[in-house]
């Protein structure tokens, strides 16, 4: 997924239109515009799967419907456990057909409106529920051409999170994307030290909606706290040289051109 023409690799989060959108054509047009811009920049379009448990169109569906050019190595499809077995295979087959070879597999955000994979659906034994571990293992067995990544949460109890990470890697994950990191922290440092050859992509929070960030990191951040996403990103690039960065909730109108300059090694 690394673009060798850029000094810093960026994964830009794209959220597909919701299925109950009242302005679907407008939302699809906006998605297409953002996707094309990400491709032209040499970045990776990292497309979410029913983010926050809200039913949305699948990334591969939008790419096919809009006739978009999914450039090799520049598309990462998120895939969670809230699907039927049939839908799971439709997503995987659709990605393969379009030459999309990278997946980020996560357990995902649930919702009463969403189905959930059953252990038998992914040939899992001795488990009451399907997690990302079982789904990663199933994909690697039946769709070995995919490069599969997993999530890492530096805010969970440390030993528990590292134990989960080992199971994800043993199941077949070959890269990791962290939860948002706003400064150096112990768990992320340990991850990089213990797995020096593992590709790690650091998530950078690009929104000023601090109440959402509080939910992710698990501790309250005052809404009046001083937080400059672009300044934070620049510091992360300095702190974690050689790593990629996942840009969540990136502002295309206000931040994108600055991020393009950062990718080439220019100052903010």
C-alpha atoms as a PDB file:
ATOM      1  CA  UNK A   1       0.000   0.000   0.000  1.00  0.00           C
ATOM      2  CA  UNK A   2       3.025   2.256   0.216  1.00  0.00           C
ATOM      3  CA  UNK A   3       3.303   4.931  -2.489  1.00  0.00           C
ATOM      4  CA  UNK A   4       7.032   5.296  -3.070  1.00  0.00           C
ATOM      5  CA  UNK A   5       6.578   8.742  -4.634  1.00  0.00           C
ATOM      6  CA  UNK A   6       5.456  10.163  -1.289  1.00  0.00           C
ATOM      7  CA  UNK A   7       7.582  10.759   1.762  1.00  0.00           C
ATOM      8  CA  UNK A   8       4.674   9.918   4.082  1.00  0.00           C
ATOM      9  CA  UNK A   9       1.949   7.360   3.383  1.00  0.00           C
ATOM     10  CA  UNK A  10      -1.588   8.543   4.125  1.00  0.00           C
ATOM     11  CA  UNK A  11      -4.788   6.525   4.359  1.00  0.00           C
ATOM     12  CA  UNK A  12      -7.790   8.813   3.962  1.00  0.00           C
ATOM     13  CA  UNK A  13     -10.998   7.656   5.618  1.00  0.00           C
ATOM     14  CA  UNK A  14     -14.014   7.690   3.294  1.00  0.00           C
ATOM     15  CA  UNK A  15     -17.524   6.982   4.569  1.00  0.00           C
ATOM     16  CA  UNK A  16     -19.975   5.679   1.924  1.00  0.00           C
ATOM     17  CA  UNK A  17     -23.503   7.145   1.730  1.00  0.00           C
ATOM     18  CA  UNK A  18     -26.035   5.813   4.213  1.00  0.00           C
ATOM     19  CA  UNK A  19     -28.706   3.567   2.761  1.00  0.00           C
ATOM     20  CA  UNK A  20     -31.501   5.780   4.111  1.00  0.00           C
ATOM     21  CA  UNK A  21     -29.979   8.990   2.761  1.00  0.00           C
ATOM     22  CA  UNK A  22     -32.515  11.600   1.659  1.00  0.00           C
ATOM     23  CA  UNK A  23     -29.995  13.039  -0.824  1.00  0.00           C
ATOM     24  CA  UNK A  24     -28.421   9.908  -2.219  1.00  0.00           C
ATOM     25  CA  UNK A  25     -27.386  11.313  -5.611  1.00  0.00           C
ATOM     26  CA  UNK A  26     -25.642  14.243  -3.940  1.00  0.00           C
ATOM     27  CA  UNK A  27     -23.922  11.924  -1.456  1.00  0.00           C
ATOM     28  CA  UNK A  28     -22.735   9.592  -4.227  1.00  0.00           C
ATOM     29  CA  UNK A  29     -21.378  12.520  -6.222  1.00  0.00           C
ATOM     30  CA  UNK A  30     -19.479  13.746  -3.171  1.00  0.00           C
ATOM     31  CA  UNK A  31     -18.102  10.273  -2.477  1.00  0.00           C
ATOM     32  CA  UNK A  32     -16.919   9.983  -6.089  1.00  0.00           C
ATOM     33  CA  UNK A  33     -15.239  13.393  -5.914  1.00  0.00           C
ATOM     34  CA  UNK A  34     -13.375  12.511  -2.721  1.00  0.00           C
ATOM     35  CA  UNK A  35     -12.381   9.079  -4.007  1.00  0.00           C
ATOM     36  CA  UNK A  36     -10.951  10.494  -7.237  1.00  0.00           C
ATOM     37  CA  UNK A  37      -8.991  13.101  -5.333  1.00  0.00           C
ATOM     38  CA  UNK A  38      -7.487  10.472  -3.044  1.00  0.00           C
ATOM     39  CA  UNK A  39      -6.458   8.394  -6.064  1.00  0.00           C
ATOM     40  CA  UNK A  40      -4.868  11.396  -7.766  1.00  0.00           C
ATOM     41  CA  UNK A  41      -2.914  12.257  -4.620  1.00  0.00           C
ATOM     42  CA  UNK A  42      -1.406   8.793  -4.450  1.00  0.00           C
ATOM     43  CA  UNK A  43      -3.039   8.172  -1.079  1.00  0.00           C
ATOM     44  CA  UNK A  44      -5.039   5.118  -0.004  1.00  0.00           C
ATOM     45  CA  UNK A  45      -8.832   5.373   0.136  1.00  0.00           C
ATOM     46  CA  UNK A  46      -9.779   3.628   3.378  1.00  0.00           C
ATOM     47  CA  UNK A  47     -13.512   2.912   3.100  1.00  0.00           C
ATOM     48  CA  UNK A  48     -15.523   2.174   6.234  1.00  0.00           C
ATOM     49  CA  UNK A  49     -18.089  -0.590   6.771  1.00  0.00           C
ATOM     50  CA  UNK A  50     -21.332   0.590   8.418  1.00  0.00           C
ATOM     51  CA  UNK A  51     -19.460   3.066  10.584  1.00  0.00           C
ATOM     52  CA  UNK A  52     -20.960   3.582  14.058  1.00  0.00           C
ATOM     53  CA  UNK A  53     -23.479   0.833  13.300  1.00  0.00           C
ATOM     54  CA  UNK A  54     -25.295   2.920  10.674  1.00  0.00           C
ATOM     55  CA  UNK A  55     -26.248   0.982   7.549  1.00  0.00           C
ATOM     56  CA  UNK A  56     -24.396   2.311   4.537  1.00  0.00           C
ATOM     57  CA  UNK A  57     -23.602   1.164   1.033  1.00  0.00           C
ATOM     58  CA  UNK A  58     -20.503  -0.988   0.707  1.00  0.00           C
ATOM     59  CA  UNK A  59     -17.337   0.547  -0.654  1.00  0.00           C
ATOM     60  CA  UNK A  60     -16.994  -1.884  -3.542  1.00  0.00           C
ATOM     61  CA  UNK A  61     -20.661  -1.243  -4.461  1.00  0.00           C
ATOM     62  CA  UNK A  62     -20.057   2.498  -4.705  1.00  0.00           C
ATOM     63  CA  UNK A  63     -16.880   2.039  -6.722  1.00  0.00           C
ATOM     64  CA  UNK A  64     -18.653  -0.247  -9.205  1.00  0.00           C
ATOM     65  CA  UNK A  65     -21.856   1.808  -9.434  1.00  0.00           C
ATOM     66  CA  UNK A  66     -19.955   5.063  -9.997  1.00  0.00           C
ATOM     67  CA  UNK A  67     -17.472   3.547 -12.438  1.00  0.00           C
ATOM     68  CA  UNK A  68     -14.516   4.636 -10.321  1.00  0.00           C
ATOM     69  CA  UNK A  69     -10.946   3.574 -10.987  1.00  0.00           C
ATOM     70  CA  UNK A  70      -9.739   1.619  -7.944  1.00  0.00           C
ATOM     71  CA  UNK A  71      -6.030   1.949  -8.527  1.00  0.00           C
ATOM     72  CA  UNK A  72      -3.925  -1.055  -7.473  1.00  0.00           C
ATOM     73  CA  UNK A  73      -2.711  -0.731  -3.900  1.00  0.00           C
ATOM     74  CA  UNK A  74      -4.697   2.444  -3.232  1.00  0.00           C
ATOM     75  CA  UNK A  75      -7.946   1.046  -1.830  1.00  0.00           C
ATOM     76  CA  UNK A  76      -8.482  -0.490   1.605  1.00  0.00           C
ATOM     77  CA  UNK A  77     -11.914  -1.906   2.351  1.00  0.00           C
ATOM     78  CA  UNK A  78     -13.011  -2.187   5.980  1.00  0.00           C
ATOM     79  CA  UNK A  79     -14.962  -5.334   6.814  1.00  0.00           C
ATOM     80  CA  UNK A  80     -16.690  -6.125  10.101  1.00  0.00           C
ATOM     81  CA  UNK A  81     -18.583  -9.067  11.569  1.00  0.00           C
ATOM     82  CA  UNK A  82     -22.075  -7.584  11.159  1.00  0.00           C
ATOM     83  CA  UNK A  83     -23.104  -9.319   7.944  1.00  0.00           C
ATOM     84  CA  UNK A  84     -24.832 -12.453   6.768  1.00  0.00           C
ATOM     85  CA  UNK A  85     -22.595 -15.134   5.288  1.00  0.00           C
ATOM     86  CA  UNK A  86     -24.042 -14.410   1.858  1.00  0.00           C
ATOM     87  CA  UNK A  87     -23.297 -10.683   2.173  1.00  0.00           C
ATOM     88  CA  UNK A  88     -19.774 -11.457   3.385  1.00  0.00           C
ATOM     89  CA  UNK A  89     -19.029 -13.478   0.273  1.00  0.00           C
ATOM     90  CA  UNK A  90     -20.632 -10.863  -1.973  1.00  0.00           C
ATOM     91  CA  UNK A  91     -18.281  -8.247  -0.515  1.00  0.00           C
ATOM     92  CA  UNK A  92     -15.199 -10.442  -0.843  1.00  0.00           C
ATOM     93  CA  UNK A  93     -16.081 -11.588  -4.352  1.00  0.00           C
ATOM     94  CA  UNK A  94     -16.875  -8.009  -5.369  1.00  0.00           C
ATOM     95  CA  UNK A  95     -13.539  -6.752  -4.093  1.00  0.00           C
ATOM     96  CA  UNK A  96     -11.668  -9.521  -5.883  1.00  0.00           C
ATOM     97  CA  UNK A  97     -13.495  -8.762  -9.134  1.00  0.00           C
ATOM     98  CA  UNK A  98     -12.434  -5.107  -8.916  1.00  0.00           C
ATOM     99  CA  UNK A  99      -8.834  -5.872  -8.064  1.00  0.00           C
ATOM    100  CA  UNK A 100      -9.124  -4.568  -4.505  1.00  0.00           C
ATOM    101  CA  UNK A 101      -6.669  -6.658  -2.520  1.00  0.00           C
ATOM    102  CA  UNK A 102      -6.494  -5.063   0.931  1.00  0.00           C
ATOM    103  CA  UNK A 103      -8.913  -5.424   3.841  1.00  0.00           C
ATOM    104  CA  UNK A 104      -9.043  -4.052   7.367  1.00  0.00           C
ATOM    105  CA  UNK A 105     -10.981  -6.611   9.401  1.00  0.00           C
ATOM    106  CA  UNK A 106     -12.575  -5.411  12.652  1.00  0.00           C
ATOM    107  CA  UNK A 107     -15.287  -6.694  14.951  1.00  0.00           C
ATOM    108  CA  UNK A 108     -17.310  -3.561  14.203  1.00  0.00           C
ATOM    109  CA  UNK A 109     -20.077  -1.488  15.749  1.00  0.00           C
ATOM    110  CA  UNK A 110     -23.306  -3.390  16.262  1.00  0.00           C
ATOM    111  CA  UNK A 111     -26.870  -2.303  15.689  1.00  0.00           C
ATOM    112  CA  UNK A 112     -30.290  -3.991  15.973  1.00  0.00           C
ATOM    113  CA  UNK A 113     -30.650  -3.334  12.245  1.00  0.00           C
ATOM    114  CA  UNK A 114     -27.574  -5.350  11.353  1.00  0.00           C
ATOM    115  CA  UNK A 115     -27.205  -9.147  11.169  1.00  0.00           C
ATOM    116  CA  UNK A 116     -24.234 -10.824  12.834  1.00  0.00           C
ATOM    117  CA  UNK A 117     -22.066 -13.603  11.523  1.00  0.00           C
ATOM    118  CA  UNK A 118     -22.509 -16.851  13.418  1.00  0.00           C
ATOM    119  CA  UNK A 119     -19.529 -19.068  14.352  1.00  0.00           C
ATOM    120  CA  UNK A 120     -20.668 -21.750  11.893  1.00  0.00           C
ATOM    121  CA  UNK A 121     -20.674 -19.150   9.085  1.00  0.00           C
ATOM    122  CA  UNK A 122     -16.914 -18.752   9.388  1.00  0.00           C
ATOM    123  CA  UNK A 123     -16.100 -22.312  10.433  1.00  0.00           C
ATOM    124  CA  UNK A 124     -15.238 -21.197  13.968  1.00  0.00           C
ATOM    125  CA  UNK A 125     -15.269 -23.653  16.841  1.00  0.00           C
ATOM    126  CA  UNK A 126     -15.237 -23.237  20.610  1.00  0.00           C
ATOM    127  CA  UNK A 127     -16.485 -19.667  20.494  1.00  0.00           C
ATOM    128  CA  UNK A 128     -19.864 -18.126  21.254  1.00  0.00           C
ATOM    129  CA  UNK A 129     -19.407 -15.123  18.964  1.00  0.00           C
ATOM    130  CA  UNK A 130     -17.467 -14.153  15.861  1.00  0.00           C
ATOM    131  CA  UNK A 131     -14.730 -11.586  16.424  1.00  0.00           C
ATOM    132  CA  UNK A 132     -12.194 -10.158  14.014  1.00  0.00           C
ATOM    133  CA  UNK A 133      -9.897 -13.102  14.821  1.00  0.00           C
ATOM    134  CA  UNK A 134     -12.320 -15.710  13.447  1.00  0.00           C
ATOM    135  CA  UNK A 135     -13.140 -13.554  10.434  1.00  0.00           C
ATOM    136  CA  UNK A 136      -9.482 -12.952   9.603  1.00  0.00           C
ATOM    137  CA  UNK A 137      -8.774 -16.682   9.786  1.00  0.00           C
ATOM    138  CA  UNK A 138     -11.732 -17.494   7.532  1.00  0.00           C
ATOM    139  CA  UNK A 139     -10.750 -14.917   4.905  1.00  0.00           C
ATOM    140  CA  UNK A 140      -7.129 -16.032   4.847  1.00  0.00           C
ATOM    141  CA  UNK A 141      -8.256 -19.641   4.349  1.00  0.00           C
ATOM    142  CA  UNK A 142     -10.799 -19.053   1.583  1.00  0.00           C
ATOM    143  CA  UNK A 143      -9.490 -15.821  -0.008  1.00  0.00           C
ATOM    144  CA  UNK A 144      -5.699 -16.095   0.365  1.00  0.00           C
ATOM    145  CA  UNK A 145      -5.029 -13.380  -2.212  1.00  0.00           C
ATOM    146  CA  UNK A 146      -6.168 -10.656   0.200  1.00  0.00           C
ATOM    147  CA  UNK A 147      -3.752  -8.711   2.388  1.00  0.00           C
ATOM    148  CA  UNK A 148      -5.572  -8.474   5.713  1.00  0.00           C
ATOM    149  CA  UNK A 149      -5.027  -5.961   8.486  1.00  0.00           C
ATOM    150  CA  UNK A 150      -6.305  -5.658  12.045  1.00  0.00           C
ATOM    151  CA  UNK A 151      -6.979  -2.934  14.580  1.00  0.00           C
ATOM    152  CA  UNK A 152      -4.931  -2.132  17.682  1.00  0.00           C
ATOM    153  CA  UNK A 153      -6.345  -0.120  20.579  1.00  0.00           C
ATOM    154  CA  UNK A 154      -3.654   1.462  22.766  1.00  0.00           C
ATOM    155  CA  UNK A 155      -6.291   2.525  25.306  1.00  0.00           C
ATOM    156  CA  UNK A 156      -7.424  -0.971  26.262  1.00  0.00           C
ATOM    157  CA  UNK A 157      -5.753  -2.807  29.178  1.00  0.00           C
ATOM    158  CA  UNK A 158      -2.301  -3.366  27.750  1.00  0.00           C
ATOM    159  CA  UNK A 159      -1.719  -7.078  28.322  1.00  0.00           C
ATOM    160  CA  UNK A 160      -5.226  -7.930  27.112  1.00  0.00           C
ATOM    161  CA  UNK A 161      -4.762  -5.907  23.922  1.00  0.00           C
ATOM    162  CA  UNK A 162      -1.391  -7.492  23.150  1.00  0.00           C
ATOM    163  CA  UNK A 163      -2.859 -10.937  23.674  1.00  0.00           C
ATOM    164  CA  UNK A 164      -5.641 -10.079  21.198  1.00  0.00           C
ATOM    165  CA  UNK A 165      -3.079  -8.731  18.764  1.00  0.00           C
ATOM    166  CA  UNK A 166      -1.141 -11.998  18.864  1.00  0.00           C
ATOM    167  CA  UNK A 167      -4.305 -13.946  18.050  1.00  0.00           C
ATOM    168  CA  UNK A 168      -5.030 -11.609  15.133  1.00  0.00           C
ATOM    169  CA  UNK A 169      -1.516 -12.037  13.773  1.00  0.00           C
ATOM    170  CA  UNK A 170      -1.660 -15.806  14.248  1.00  0.00           C
ATOM    171  CA  UNK A 171      -4.953 -15.809  12.320  1.00  0.00           C
ATOM    172  CA  UNK A 172      -3.260 -14.122   9.363  1.00  0.00           C
ATOM    173  CA  UNK A 173      -3.262 -10.342   9.853  1.00  0.00           C
ATOM    174  CA  UNK A 174      -0.179  -8.781   8.277  1.00  0.00           C
ATOM    175  CA  UNK A 175      -0.530  -5.088   9.170  1.00  0.00           C
ATOM    176  CA  UNK A 176      -2.119  -3.010  11.927  1.00  0.00           C
ATOM    177  CA  UNK A 177      -3.999   0.269  12.162  1.00  0.00           C
ATOM    178  CA  UNK A 178      -4.184   1.857  15.602  1.00  0.00           C
ATOM    179  CA  UNK A 179      -6.993   3.802  17.200  1.00  0.00           C
ATOM    180  CA  UNK A 180      -6.385   7.598  17.196  1.00  0.00           C
ATOM    181  CA  UNK A 181      -3.055   8.617  18.693  1.00  0.00           C
ATOM    182  CA  UNK A 182      -2.666  12.256  19.690  1.00  0.00           C
ATOM    183  CA  UNK A 183       0.769  11.949  21.269  1.00  0.00           C
ATOM    184  CA  UNK A 184       3.329   9.276  22.018  1.00  0.00           C
ATOM    185  CA  UNK A 185       1.926   6.655  24.358  1.00  0.00           C
ATOM    186  CA  UNK A 186       3.320   3.596  26.090  1.00  0.00           C
ATOM    187  CA  UNK A 187       1.249   0.946  24.305  1.00  0.00           C
ATOM    188  CA  UNK A 188       2.031   2.260  20.823  1.00  0.00           C
ATOM    189  CA  UNK A 189       5.727   2.457  21.676  1.00  0.00           C
ATOM    190  CA  UNK A 190       5.628  -1.137  22.900  1.00  0.00           C
ATOM    191  CA  UNK A 191       3.837  -2.247  19.729  1.00  0.00           C
ATOM    192  CA  UNK A 192       6.554  -0.759  17.536  1.00  0.00           C
ATOM    193  CA  UNK A 193       9.336  -2.172  19.690  1.00  0.00           C
ATOM    194  CA  UNK A 194       7.946  -5.708  19.956  1.00  0.00           C
ATOM    195  CA  UNK A 195       6.956  -5.947  16.286  1.00  0.00           C
ATOM    196  CA  UNK A 196       9.620  -3.959  14.409  1.00  0.00           C
ATOM    197  CA  UNK A 197       8.840  -5.664  11.082  1.00  0.00           C
ATOM    198  CA  UNK A 198       5.064  -5.304  11.305  1.00  0.00           C
ATOM    199  CA  UNK A 199       3.622  -2.474   9.163  1.00  0.00           C
ATOM    200  CA  UNK A 200       1.853  -0.154  11.618  1.00  0.00           C
ATOM    201  CA  UNK A 201      -0.396   2.678  10.476  1.00  0.00           C
ATOM    202  CA  UNK A 202      -1.036   5.349  13.105  1.00  0.00           C
ATOM    203  CA  UNK A 203      -4.524   6.849  13.208  1.00  0.00           C
ATOM    204  CA  UNK A 204      -4.557  10.650  13.383  1.00  0.00           C
ATOM    205  CA  UNK A 205      -7.749  12.388  14.510  1.00  0.00           C
ATOM    206  CA  UNK A 206      -8.413  15.193  12.018  1.00  0.00           C
ATOM    207  CA  UNK A 207     -11.657  16.558  13.496  1.00  0.00           C
ATOM    208  CA  UNK A 208     -12.106  19.181  16.201  1.00  0.00           C
ATOM    209  CA  UNK A 209     -15.105  17.241  17.549  1.00  0.00           C
ATOM    210  CA  UNK A 210     -13.414  16.331  20.780  1.00  0.00           C
ATOM    211  CA  UNK A 211     -16.478  14.644  22.284  1.00  0.00           C
ATOM    212  CA  UNK A 212     -16.150  11.948  19.604  1.00  0.00           C
ATOM    213  CA  UNK A 213     -12.441  11.606  20.313  1.00  0.00           C
ATOM    214  CA  UNK A 214     -13.224  11.199  24.017  1.00  0.00           C
ATOM    215  CA  UNK A 215     -15.430   8.215  23.197  1.00  0.00           C
ATOM    216  CA  UNK A 216     -12.592   6.582  21.274  1.00  0.00           C
ATOM    217  CA  UNK A 217      -9.743   7.094  23.740  1.00  0.00           C
ATOM    218  CA  UNK A 218     -11.898   6.324  26.774  1.00  0.00           C
ATOM    219  CA  UNK A 219     -11.247   9.415  28.826  1.00  0.00           C
ATOM    220  CA  UNK A 220     -12.889  12.860  28.796  1.00  0.00           C
ATOM    221  CA  UNK A 221     -11.295  15.618  26.743  1.00  0.00           C
ATOM    222  CA  UNK A 222     -12.758  19.054  27.534  1.00  0.00           C
ATOM    223  CA  UNK A 223     -14.464  20.655  24.546  1.00  0.00           C
ATOM    224  CA  UNK A 224     -12.512  23.850  25.179  1.00  0.00           C
ATOM    225  CA  UNK A 225      -9.184  22.010  25.078  1.00  0.00           C
ATOM    226  CA  UNK A 226      -6.690  23.366  22.585  1.00  0.00           C
ATOM    227  CA  UNK A 227      -6.419  20.801  19.790  1.00  0.00           C
ATOM    228  CA  UNK A 228      -5.019  21.509  16.342  1.00  0.00           C
ATOM    229  CA  UNK A 229      -5.392  18.362  14.186  1.00  0.00           C
ATOM    230  CA  UNK A 230      -2.858  19.461  11.589  1.00  0.00           C
ATOM    231  CA  UNK A 231      -0.284  20.397  14.186  1.00  0.00           C
ATOM    232  CA  UNK A 232      -0.877  17.071  15.945  1.00  0.00           C
ATOM    233  CA  UNK A 233      -0.439  15.201  12.648  1.00  0.00           C
ATOM    234  CA  UNK A 234       2.827  16.998  11.962  1.00  0.00           C
ATOM    235  CA  UNK A 235       4.126  16.029  15.398  1.00  0.00           C
ATOM    236  CA  UNK A 236       3.086  12.405  14.857  1.00  0.00           C
ATOM    237  CA  UNK A 237       4.970  12.319  11.542  1.00  0.00           C
ATOM    238  CA  UNK A 238       8.090  13.489  13.377  1.00  0.00           C
ATOM    239  CA  UNK A 239       7.536  11.082  16.289  1.00  0.00           C
ATOM    240  CA  UNK A 240       6.816   8.029  14.116  1.00  0.00           C
ATOM    241  CA  UNK A 241       8.990   8.342  11.002  1.00  0.00           C
ATOM    242  CA  UNK A 242       8.604   5.621   8.424  1.00  0.00           C
ATOM    243  CA  UNK A 243       5.040   4.783   9.405  1.00  0.00           C
ATOM    244  CA  UNK A 244       1.791   5.445   7.581  1.00  0.00           C
ATOM    245  CA  UNK A 245      -1.044   7.548   8.973  1.00  0.00           C
ATOM    246  CA  UNK A 246      -4.780   6.926   8.856  1.00  0.00           C
ATOM    247  CA  UNK A 247      -6.619  10.259   8.627  1.00  0.00           C
ATOM    248  CA  UNK A 248     -10.058   9.976  10.218  1.00  0.00           C
ATOM    249  CA  UNK A 249     -12.698  12.642   9.507  1.00  0.00           C
ATOM    250  CA  UNK A 250     -10.350  14.614   7.289  1.00  0.00           C
ATOM    251  CA  UNK A 251     -11.697  17.974   6.119  1.00  0.00           C
ATOM    252  CA  UNK A 252     -11.426  17.986   2.334  1.00  0.00           C
ATOM    253  CA  UNK A 253     -12.131  21.720   2.050  1.00  0.00           C
ATOM    254  CA  UNK A 254      -9.903  22.949   4.861  1.00  0.00           C
ATOM    255  CA  UNK A 255      -7.192  20.336   5.406  1.00  0.00           C
ATOM    256  CA  UNK A 256      -6.640  18.273   2.285  1.00  0.00           C
ATOM    257  CA  UNK A 257      -4.215  20.547   0.398  1.00  0.00           C
ATOM    258  CA  UNK A 258      -2.091  20.928   3.533  1.00  0.00           C
ATOM    259  CA  UNK A 259      -1.982  17.150   3.968  1.00  0.00           C
ATOM    260  CA  UNK A 260      -0.883  16.779   0.342  1.00  0.00           C
ATOM    261  CA  UNK A 261       2.082  19.067   1.072  1.00  0.00           C
ATOM    262  CA  UNK A 262       2.903  17.087   4.213  1.00  0.00           C
ATOM    263  CA  UNK A 263       2.948  13.861   2.184  1.00  0.00           C
ATOM    264  CA  UNK A 264       5.679  15.315  -0.004  1.00  0.00           C
ATOM    265  CA  UNK A 265       7.711  16.385   3.005  1.00  0.00           C
ATOM    266  CA  UNK A 266       6.738  20.048   2.899  1.00  0.00           C
ATOM    267  CA  UNK A 267       5.992  21.898   6.130  1.00  0.00           C
ATOM    268  CA  UNK A 268       2.454  22.748   7.118  1.00  0.00           C
END
